[in-house]
PDB file of all heavy atoms in Angstrom:
ATOM      1  N   VAL A   1       0.941  -1.252  -0.070  1.00  0.00           N
ATOM      2  CA  VAL A   1      -0.021   0.024  -0.042  1.00  0.00           C
ATOM      3  C   VAL A   1       0.890   1.252  -0.003  1.00  0.00           C
ATOM      4  O   VAL A   1       0.614   2.205  -0.777  1.00  0.00           O
ATOM      5  CB  VAL A   1      -0.970  -0.005   1.299  1.00  0.00           C
ATOM      6  CG1 VAL A   1      -1.586   1.322   1.415  1.00  0.00           C
ATOM      7  CG2 VAL A   1      -1.951  -1.070   1.051  1.00  0.00           C
ATOM      8  N   ILE A   2       1.897   1.336   0.890  1.00  0.00           N
ATOM      9  CA  ILE A   2       2.806   2.400   0.884  1.00  0.00           C
ATOM     10  C   ILE A   2       3.520   2.707  -0.468  1.00  0.00           C
ATOM     11  O   ILE A   2       3.706   3.638  -0.942  1.00  0.00           O
ATOM     12  CB  ILE A   2       3.781   2.138   2.041  1.00  0.00           C
ATOM     13  CG1 ILE A   2       3.125   2.202   3.428  1.00  0.00           C
ATOM     14  CG2 ILE A   2       4.873   3.336   1.986  1.00  0.00           C
ATOM     15  CD1 ILE A   2       4.082   1.617   4.584  1.00  0.00           C
ATOM     16  N   ALA A   3       3.893   1.516  -1.016  1.00  0.00           N
ATOM     17  CA  ALA A   3       4.752   1.595  -2.292  1.00  0.00           C
ATOM     18  C   ALA A   3       3.808   2.097  -3.533  1.00  0.00           C
ATOM     19  O   ALA A   3       4.283   2.914  -4.337  1.00  0.00           O
ATOM     20  CB  ALA A   3       5.315   0.198  -2.542  1.00  0.00           C
ATOM     21  N   LEU A   4       2.646   1.516  -3.638  1.00  0.00           N
ATOM     22  CA  LEU A   4       1.848   1.713  -4.888  1.00  0.00           C
ATOM     23  C   LEU A   4       0.937   2.831  -4.702  1.00  0.00           C
ATOM     24  O   LEU A   4       0.265   3.251  -5.839  1.00  0.00           O
ATOM     25  CB  LEU A   4       1.075   0.454  -5.155  1.00  0.00           C
ATOM     26  CG  LEU A   4       1.971  -0.647  -5.499  1.00  0.00           C
ATOM     27  CD1 LEU A   4       1.188  -1.976  -5.947  1.00  0.00           C
ATOM     28  CD2 LEU A   4       2.923  -0.415  -6.629  1.00  0.00           C
ATOM     29  N   ARG A   5       0.798   3.542  -3.596  1.00  0.00           N
ATOM     30  CA  ARG A   5      -0.200   4.636  -3.534  1.00  0.00           C
ATOM     31  C   ARG A   5       0.440   5.959  -4.040  1.00  0.00           C
ATOM     32  O   ARG A   5      -0.386   6.988  -4.240  1.00  0.00           O
ATOM     33  CB  ARG A   5      -0.748   4.903  -2.187  1.00  0.00           C
ATOM     34  CG  ARG A   5       0.357   5.482  -1.246  1.00  0.00           C
ATOM     35  CD  ARG A   5      -0.202   5.665   0.266  1.00  0.00           C
ATOM     36  NE  ARG A   5       0.778   6.079   1.138  1.00  0.00           N
ATOM     37  CZ  ARG A   5       0.620   6.209   2.486  1.00  0.00           C
ATOM     38  NH1 ARG A   5      -0.566   5.942   2.914  1.00  0.00           N
ATOM     39  NH2 ARG A   5       1.556   6.645   3.351  1.00  0.00           N
ATOM     40  N   GLY A   6       1.723   5.903  -4.401  1.00  0.00           N
ATOM     41  CA  GLY A   6       2.360   7.036  -5.033  1.00  0.00           C
ATOM     42  C   GLY A   6       3.336   7.787  -4.133  1.00  0.00           C
ATOM     43  O   GLY A   6       3.328   7.541  -2.917  1.00  0.00           O
ATOM     44  N   PRO A   7       4.171   8.609  -4.804  1.00  0.00           N
ATOM     45  CA  PRO A   7       5.259   9.224  -3.882  1.00  0.00           C
ATOM     46  C   PRO A   7       4.715  10.383  -3.117  1.00  0.00           C
ATOM     47  O   PRO A   7       3.709  11.101  -3.439  1.00  0.00           O
ATOM     48  CB  PRO A   7       6.236   9.788  -4.921  1.00  0.00           C
ATOM     49  CG  PRO A   7       5.480   9.888  -6.202  1.00  0.00           C
ATOM     50  CD  PRO A   7       4.342   8.966  -6.158  1.00  0.00           C
ATOM     51  N   SER A   8       5.296  10.583  -1.782  1.00  0.00           N
ATOM     52  CA  SER A   8       4.998  11.671  -0.993  1.00  0.00           C
ATOM     53  C   SER A   8       6.075  12.842  -1.400  1.00  0.00           C
ATOM     54  O   SER A   8       7.111  12.480  -2.005  1.00  0.00           O
ATOM     55  CB  SER A   8       5.144  11.415   0.337  1.00  0.00           C
ATOM     56  OG  SER A   8       6.541  10.906   0.675  1.00  0.00           O
ATOM     57  N   LEU A   9       5.637  14.087  -1.157  1.00  0.00           N
ATOM     58  CA  LEU A   9       6.470  15.177  -1.459  1.00  0.00           C
ATOM     59  C   LEU A   9       7.543  15.561  -0.397  1.00  0.00           C
ATOM     60  O   LEU A   9       7.082  15.527   0.761  1.00  0.00           O
ATOM     61  CB  LEU A   9       5.658  16.526  -1.791  1.00  0.00           C
ATOM     62  CG  LEU A   9       6.470  17.707  -2.021  1.00  0.00           C
ATOM     63  CD1 LEU A   9       7.224  17.690  -3.182  1.00  0.00           C
ATOM     64  CD2 LEU A   9       5.538  18.894  -2.124  1.00  0.00           C
ATOM     65  N   ARG A  10       8.834  15.573  -0.760  1.00  0.00           N
ATOM     66  CA  ARG A  10       9.781  15.834   0.255  1.00  0.00           C
ATOM     67  C   ARG A  10      10.408  17.188  -0.212  1.00  0.00           C
ATOM     68  O   ARG A  10      10.987  17.386  -1.339  1.00  0.00           O
ATOM     69  CB  ARG A  10      10.901  14.839   0.341  1.00  0.00           C
ATOM     70  CG  ARG A  10      11.834  15.027   1.385  1.00  0.00           C
ATOM     71  CD  ARG A  10      12.779  13.940   1.763  1.00  0.00           C
ATOM     72  NE  ARG A  10      13.501  14.244   2.855  1.00  0.00           N
ATOM     73  CZ  ARG A  10      14.602  13.297   3.345  1.00  0.00           C
ATOM     74  NH1 ARG A  10      14.892  12.234   2.585  1.00  0.00           N
ATOM     75  NH2 ARG A  10      15.297  13.650   4.324  1.00  0.00           N
ATOM     76  N   ARG A  11      10.431  18.120   0.678  1.00  0.00           N
ATOM     77  CA  ARG A  11      10.990  19.537   0.442  1.00  0.00           C
ATOM     78  C   ARG A  11      12.419  19.719   1.132  1.00  0.00           C
ATOM     79  O   ARG A  11      12.603  19.423   2.288  1.00  0.00           O
ATOM     80  CB  ARG A  11      10.050  20.610   0.918  1.00  0.00           C
ATOM     81  CG  ARG A  11       8.632  20.605   0.203  1.00  0.00           C
ATOM     82  CD  ARG A  11       7.799  21.650   0.792  1.00  0.00           C
ATOM     83  NE  ARG A  11       6.350  21.663   0.044  1.00  0.00           N
ATOM     84  CZ  ARG A  11       6.089  22.277  -0.965  1.00  0.00           C
ATOM     85  NH1 ARG A  11       7.142  23.207  -1.485  1.00  0.00           N
ATOM     86  NH2 ARG A  11       4.994  22.320  -1.487  1.00  0.00           N
ATOM     87  N   ILE A  12      13.277  20.050   0.309  1.00  0.00           N
ATOM     88  CA  ILE A  12      14.684  20.139   0.813  1.00  0.00           C
ATOM     89  C   ILE A  12      15.257  21.588   0.454  1.00  0.00           C
ATOM     90  O   ILE A  12      15.062  22.070  -0.667  1.00  0.00           O
ATOM     91  CB  ILE A  12      15.646  19.169   0.290  1.00  0.00           C
ATOM     92  CG1 ILE A  12      15.044  17.837   0.529  1.00  0.00           C
ATOM     93  CG2 ILE A  12      17.038  19.297   0.769  1.00  0.00           C
ATOM     94  CD1 ILE A  12      15.177  17.391   1.998  1.00  0.00           C
ATOM     95  N   GLU A  13      15.948  22.211   1.422  1.00  0.00           N
ATOM     96  CA  GLU A  13      16.428  23.488   1.145  1.00  0.00           C
ATOM     97  C   GLU A  13      17.926  23.391   1.121  1.00  0.00           C
ATOM     98  O   GLU A  13      18.539  22.720   2.046  1.00  0.00           O
ATOM     99  CB  GLU A  13      16.143  24.705   2.140  1.00  0.00           C
ATOM    100  CG  GLU A  13      14.565  25.092   2.042  1.00  0.00           C
ATOM    101  CD  GLU A  13      14.306  26.298   2.945  1.00  0.00           C
ATOM    102  OE1 GLU A  13      14.969  26.619   3.843  1.00  0.00           O
ATOM    103  OE2 GLU A  13      13.299  26.951   2.402  1.00  0.00           O
ATOM    104  N   ILE A  14      18.603  23.867   0.172  1.00  0.00           N
ATOM    105  CA  ILE A  14      20.135  23.722  -0.047  1.00  0.00           C
ATOM    106  C   ILE A  14      20.731  25.163   0.137  1.00  0.00           C
ATOM    107  O   ILE A  14      20.615  25.945  -0.697  1.00  0.00           O
ATOM    108  CB  ILE A  14      20.465  23.099  -1.479  1.00  0.00           C
ATOM    109  CG1 ILE A  14      19.651  21.998  -1.792  1.00  0.00           C
ATOM    110  CG2 ILE A  14      21.896  22.906  -1.576  1.00  0.00           C
ATOM    111  CD1 ILE A  14      19.864  20.605  -1.120  1.00  0.00           C
ATOM    112  N   PRO A  15      21.521  25.247   1.239  1.00  0.00           N
ATOM    113  CA  PRO A  15      22.204  26.500   1.466  1.00  0.00           C
ATOM    114  C   PRO A  15      23.513  26.616   0.579  1.00  0.00           C
ATOM    115  O   PRO A  15      24.345  25.842   0.670  1.00  0.00           O
ATOM    116  CB  PRO A  15      22.570  26.545   3.008  1.00  0.00           C
ATOM    117  CG  PRO A  15      22.630  25.098   3.132  1.00  0.00           C
ATOM    118  CD  PRO A  15      21.799  24.319   2.341  1.00  0.00           C
ATOM    119  N   ILE A  16      23.740  27.634  -0.180  1.00  0.00           N
ATOM    120  CA  ILE A  16      24.701  27.811  -1.104  1.00  0.00           C
ATOM    121  C   ILE A  16      25.491  29.166  -0.816  1.00  0.00           C
ATOM    122  O   ILE A  16      24.940  30.142  -0.747  1.00  0.00           O
ATOM    123  CB  ILE A  16      24.314  27.950  -2.521  1.00  0.00           C
ATOM    124  CG1 ILE A  16      23.512  26.723  -2.950  1.00  0.00           C
ATOM    125  CG2 ILE A  16      25.378  28.048  -3.571  1.00  0.00           C
ATOM    126  CD1 ILE A  16      24.259  25.349  -2.790  1.00  0.00           C
ATOM    127  N   GLU A  17      26.685  28.997  -0.527  1.00  0.00           N
ATOM    128  CA  GLU A  17      27.596  30.146  -0.176  1.00  0.00           C
ATOM    129  C   GLU A  17      27.655  30.990  -1.459  1.00  0.00           C
ATOM    130  O   GLU A  17      27.916  30.565  -2.517  1.00  0.00           O
ATOM    131  CB  GLU A  17      29.026  29.758   0.156  1.00  0.00           C
ATOM    132  CG  GLU A  17      29.045  29.059   1.483  1.00  0.00           C
ATOM    133  CD  GLU A  17      28.920  29.921   2.677  1.00  0.00           C
ATOM    134  OE1 GLU A  17      29.031  31.143   2.424  1.00  0.00           O
ATOM    135  OE2 GLU A  17      28.775  29.378   3.812  1.00  0.00           O
ATOM    136  N   GLY A  18      27.525  32.411  -1.343  1.00  0.00           N
ATOM    137  CA  GLY A  18      27.633  33.283  -2.488  1.00  0.00           C
ATOM    138  C   GLY A  18      26.630  33.096  -3.592  1.00  0.00           C
ATOM    139  O   GLY A  18      27.009  33.334  -4.766  1.00  0.00           O
ATOM    140  N   LEU A  19      25.414  32.507  -3.229  1.00  0.00           N
ATOM    141  CA  LEU A  19      24.378  32.239  -4.333  1.00  0.00           C
ATOM    142  C   LEU A  19      24.022  33.538  -5.025  1.00  0.00           C
ATOM    143  O   LEU A  19      23.796  34.510  -4.479  1.00  0.00           O
ATOM    144  CB  LEU A  19      23.235  31.716  -3.732  1.00  0.00           C
ATOM    145  CG  LEU A  19      21.961  31.178  -4.569  1.00  0.00           C
ATOM    146  CD1 LEU A  19      22.523  30.085  -5.578  1.00  0.00           C
ATOM    147  CD2 LEU A  19      20.782  30.805  -3.801  1.00  0.00           C
ATOM    148  N   HIS A  20      24.082  33.513  -6.334  1.00  0.00           N
ATOM    149  CA  HIS A  20      23.571  34.684  -7.139  1.00  0.00           C
ATOM    150  C   HIS A  20      22.162  35.021  -6.792  1.00  0.00           C
ATOM    151  O   HIS A  20      21.275  34.110  -6.626  1.00  0.00           O
ATOM    152  CB  HIS A  20      23.667  34.178  -8.684  1.00  0.00           C
ATOM    153  CG  HIS A  20      23.581  35.403  -9.604  1.00  0.00           C
ATOM    154  ND1 HIS A  20      22.278  36.011  -9.920  1.00  0.00           N
ATOM    155  CD2 HIS A  20      24.413  35.918 -10.486  1.00  0.00           C
ATOM    156  CE1 HIS A  20      22.452  36.928 -10.563  1.00  0.00           C
ATOM    157  NE2 HIS A  20      23.751  36.996 -11.119  1.00  0.00           N
ATOM    158  N   PRO A  21      21.890  36.359  -6.679  1.00  0.00           N
ATOM    159  CA  PRO A  21      20.550  36.750  -6.175  1.00  0.00           C
ATOM    160  C   PRO A  21      19.479  36.254  -7.112  1.00  0.00           C
ATOM    161  O   PRO A  21      18.321  35.943  -6.618  1.00  0.00           O
ATOM    162  CB  PRO A  21      20.634  38.275  -6.255  1.00  0.00           C
ATOM    163  CG  PRO A  21      22.237  38.543  -6.100  1.00  0.00           C
ATOM    164  CD  PRO A  21      22.844  37.428  -6.707  1.00  0.00           C
ATOM    165  N   ALA A  22      19.761  36.131  -8.546  1.00  0.00           N
ATOM    166  CA  ALA A  22      18.669  35.638  -9.174  1.00  0.00           C
ATOM    167  C   ALA A  22      18.296  34.115  -9.122  1.00  0.00           C
ATOM    168  O   ALA A  22      17.172  33.659  -9.519  1.00  0.00           O
ATOM    169  CB  ALA A  22      19.001  35.824 -10.631  1.00  0.00           C
ATOM    170  N   LEU A  23      19.125  33.489  -8.327  1.00  0.00           N
ATOM    171  CA  LEU A  23      18.948  32.023  -8.208  1.00  0.00           C
ATOM    172  C   LEU A  23      18.367  31.731  -6.755  1.00  0.00           C
ATOM    173  O   LEU A  23      18.175  30.628  -6.348  1.00  0.00           O
ATOM    174  CB  LEU A  23      20.295  31.231  -8.307  1.00  0.00           C
ATOM    175  CG  LEU A  23      20.870  31.365  -9.598  1.00  0.00           C
ATOM    176  CD1 LEU A  23      22.075  30.476  -9.764  1.00  0.00           C
ATOM    177  CD2 LEU A  23      19.830  30.924 -10.791  1.00  0.00           C
ATOM    178  N   GLU A  24      18.199  32.873  -5.792  1.00  0.00           N
ATOM    179  CA  GLU A  24      17.412  32.700  -4.579  1.00  0.00           C
ATOM    180  C   GLU A  24      16.141  32.000  -4.840  1.00  0.00           C
ATOM    181  O   GLU A  24      15.337  32.600  -5.484  1.00  0.00           O
ATOM    182  CB  GLU A  24      17.469  33.937  -3.886  1.00  0.00           C
ATOM    183  CG  GLU A  24      16.771  33.970  -2.511  1.00  0.00           C
ATOM    184  CD  GLU A  24      17.690  33.361  -1.474  1.00  0.00           C
ATOM    185  OE1 GLU A  24      18.904  33.501  -1.552  1.00  0.00           O
ATOM    186  OE2 GLU A  24      17.007  32.839  -0.488  1.00  0.00           O
ATOM    187  N   GLY A  25      15.879  30.864  -4.098  1.00  0.00           N
ATOM    188  CA  GLY A  25      14.584  30.310  -4.244  1.00  0.00           C
ATOM    189  C   GLY A  25      14.289  29.387  -5.426  1.00  0.00           C
ATOM    190  O   GLY A  25      13.212  28.948  -5.812  1.00  0.00           O
ATOM    191  N   LEU A  26      15.303  29.252  -6.276  1.00  0.00           N
ATOM    192  CA  LEU A  26      15.339  28.339  -7.504  1.00  0.00           C
ATOM    193  C   LEU A  26      14.779  26.966  -7.026  1.00  0.00           C
ATOM    194  O   LEU A  26      15.269  26.299  -6.060  1.00  0.00           O
ATOM    195  CB  LEU A  26      16.777  28.183  -8.195  1.00  0.00           C
ATOM    196  CG  LEU A  26      16.705  27.284  -9.382  1.00  0.00           C
ATOM    197  CD1 LEU A  26      16.378  28.209 -10.613  1.00  0.00           C
ATOM    198  CD2 LEU A  26      18.029  26.581  -9.618  1.00  0.00           C
ATOM    199  N   ARG A  27      13.746  26.447  -7.843  1.00  0.00           N
ATOM    200  CA  ARG A  27      13.098  25.283  -7.404  1.00  0.00           C
ATOM    201  C   ARG A  27      13.468  24.112  -8.514  1.00  0.00           C
ATOM    202  O   ARG A  27      13.335  24.376  -9.646  1.00  0.00           O
ATOM    203  CB  ARG A  27      11.675  25.441  -7.562  1.00  0.00           C
ATOM    204  CG  ARG A  27      11.230  26.416  -6.394  1.00  0.00           C
ATOM    205  CD  ARG A  27       9.846  27.102  -6.771  1.00  0.00           C
ATOM    206  NE  ARG A  27       8.745  26.182  -6.723  1.00  0.00           N
ATOM    207  CZ  ARG A  27       8.146  25.839  -5.710  1.00  0.00           C
ATOM    208  NH1 ARG A  27       8.275  26.386  -4.493  1.00  0.00           N
ATOM    209  NH2 ARG A  27       7.047  25.016  -5.608  1.00  0.00           N
ATOM    210  N   ILE A  28      14.061  22.974  -7.892  1.00  0.00           N
ATOM    211  CA  ILE A  28      14.414  21.848  -8.764  1.00  0.00           C
ATOM    212  C   ILE A  28      13.555  20.641  -8.413  1.00  0.00           C
ATOM    213  O   ILE A  28      13.705  20.232  -7.120  1.00  0.00           O
ATOM    214  CB  ILE A  28      15.888  21.525  -8.604  1.00  0.00           C
ATOM    215  CG1 ILE A  28      16.887  22.734  -9.010  1.00  0.00           C
ATOM    216  CG2 ILE A  28      16.400  20.278  -9.480  1.00  0.00           C
ATOM    217  CD1 ILE A  28      18.194  22.581  -8.527  1.00  0.00           C
ATOM    218  N   ALA A  29      12.881  20.002  -9.221  1.00  0.00           N
ATOM    219  CA  ALA A  29      12.071  18.896  -8.959  1.00  0.00           C
ATOM    220  C   ALA A  29      12.865  17.664  -9.408  1.00  0.00           C
ATOM    221  O   ALA A  29      13.490  17.567 -10.494  1.00  0.00           O
ATOM    222  CB  ALA A  29      10.667  18.884  -9.735  1.00  0.00           C
ATOM    223  N   GLN A  30      12.985  16.743  -8.509  1.00  0.00           N
ATOM    224  CA  GLN A  30      13.778  15.458  -8.853  1.00  0.00           C
ATOM    225  C   GLN A  30      12.841  14.377  -8.799  1.00  0.00           C
ATOM    226  O   GLN A  30      12.199  14.007  -7.864  1.00  0.00           O
ATOM    227  CB  GLN A  30      14.941  15.192  -7.916  1.00  0.00           C
ATOM    228  CG  GLN A  30      15.722  14.009  -8.157  1.00  0.00           C
ATOM    229  CD  GLN A  30      16.874  13.721  -6.987  1.00  0.00           C
ATOM    230  OE1 GLN A  30      16.784  14.295  -5.981  1.00  0.00           O
ATOM    231  NE2 GLN A  30      17.728  12.736  -7.300  1.00  0.00           N
ATOM    232  N   ILE A  31      12.977  13.571  -9.893  1.00  0.00           N
ATOM    233  CA  ILE A  31      12.336  12.267  -9.929  1.00  0.00           C
ATOM    234  C   ILE A  31      13.371  11.256 -10.215  1.00  0.00           C
ATOM    235  O   ILE A  31      14.261  11.361 -11.103  1.00  0.00           O
ATOM    236  CB  ILE A  31      11.366  12.183 -11.183  1.00  0.00           C
ATOM    237  CG1 ILE A  31      10.247  13.304 -10.993  1.00  0.00           C
ATOM    238  CG2 ILE A  31      10.561  10.862 -11.195  1.00  0.00           C
ATOM    239  CD1 ILE A  31       9.399  13.468 -12.109  1.00  0.00           C
ATOM    240  N   SER A  32      13.466  10.190  -9.478  1.00  0.00           N
ATOM    241  CA  SER A  32      14.507   9.076  -9.576  1.00  0.00           C
ATOM    242  C   SER A  32      13.971   7.769  -9.455  1.00  0.00           C
ATOM    243  O   SER A  32      12.963   7.553  -8.693  1.00  0.00           O
ATOM    244  CB  SER A  32      15.609   9.427  -8.511  1.00  0.00           C
ATOM    245  OG  SER A  32      16.795   8.641  -8.785  1.00  0.00           O
ATOM    246  N   ASP A  33      14.516   6.812 -10.013  1.00  0.00           N
ATOM    247  CA  ASP A  33      14.277   5.400  -9.885  1.00  0.00           C
ATOM    248  C   ASP A  33      12.819   4.980  -9.895  1.00  0.00           C
ATOM    249  O   ASP A  33      12.223   4.437  -8.973  1.00  0.00           O
ATOM    250  CB  ASP A  33      14.818   4.985  -8.373  1.00  0.00           C
ATOM    251  CG  ASP A  33      16.306   5.132  -8.457  1.00  0.00           C
ATOM    252  OD1 ASP A  33      16.839   6.229  -8.101  1.00  0.00           O
ATOM    253  OD2 ASP A  33      17.049   4.082  -8.718  1.00  0.00           O
ATOM    254  N   LEU A  34      12.194   5.414 -11.030  1.00  0.00           N
ATOM    255  CA  LEU A  34      10.797   5.241 -11.134  1.00  0.00           C
ATOM    256  C   LEU A  34      10.500   3.738 -11.510  1.00  0.00           C
ATOM    257  O   LEU A  34       9.453   3.209 -11.075  1.00  0.00           O
ATOM    258  CB  LEU A  34      10.219   6.157 -12.196  1.00  0.00           C
ATOM    259  CG  LEU A  34       8.775   6.168 -12.541  1.00  0.00           C
ATOM    260  CD1 LEU A  34       8.047   6.736 -11.279  1.00  0.00           C
ATOM    261  CD2 LEU A  34       8.484   7.248 -13.657  1.00  0.00           C
TER     262      LEU A  34
END
């Protein structure tokens, strides 16, 4: 049931030293091992 009902959303924040202001809040969706 846990496996086949579909993926849950996991939100992760990545702190980057000297991040360019235009990239603040950039959102990357990752899908893996489908």
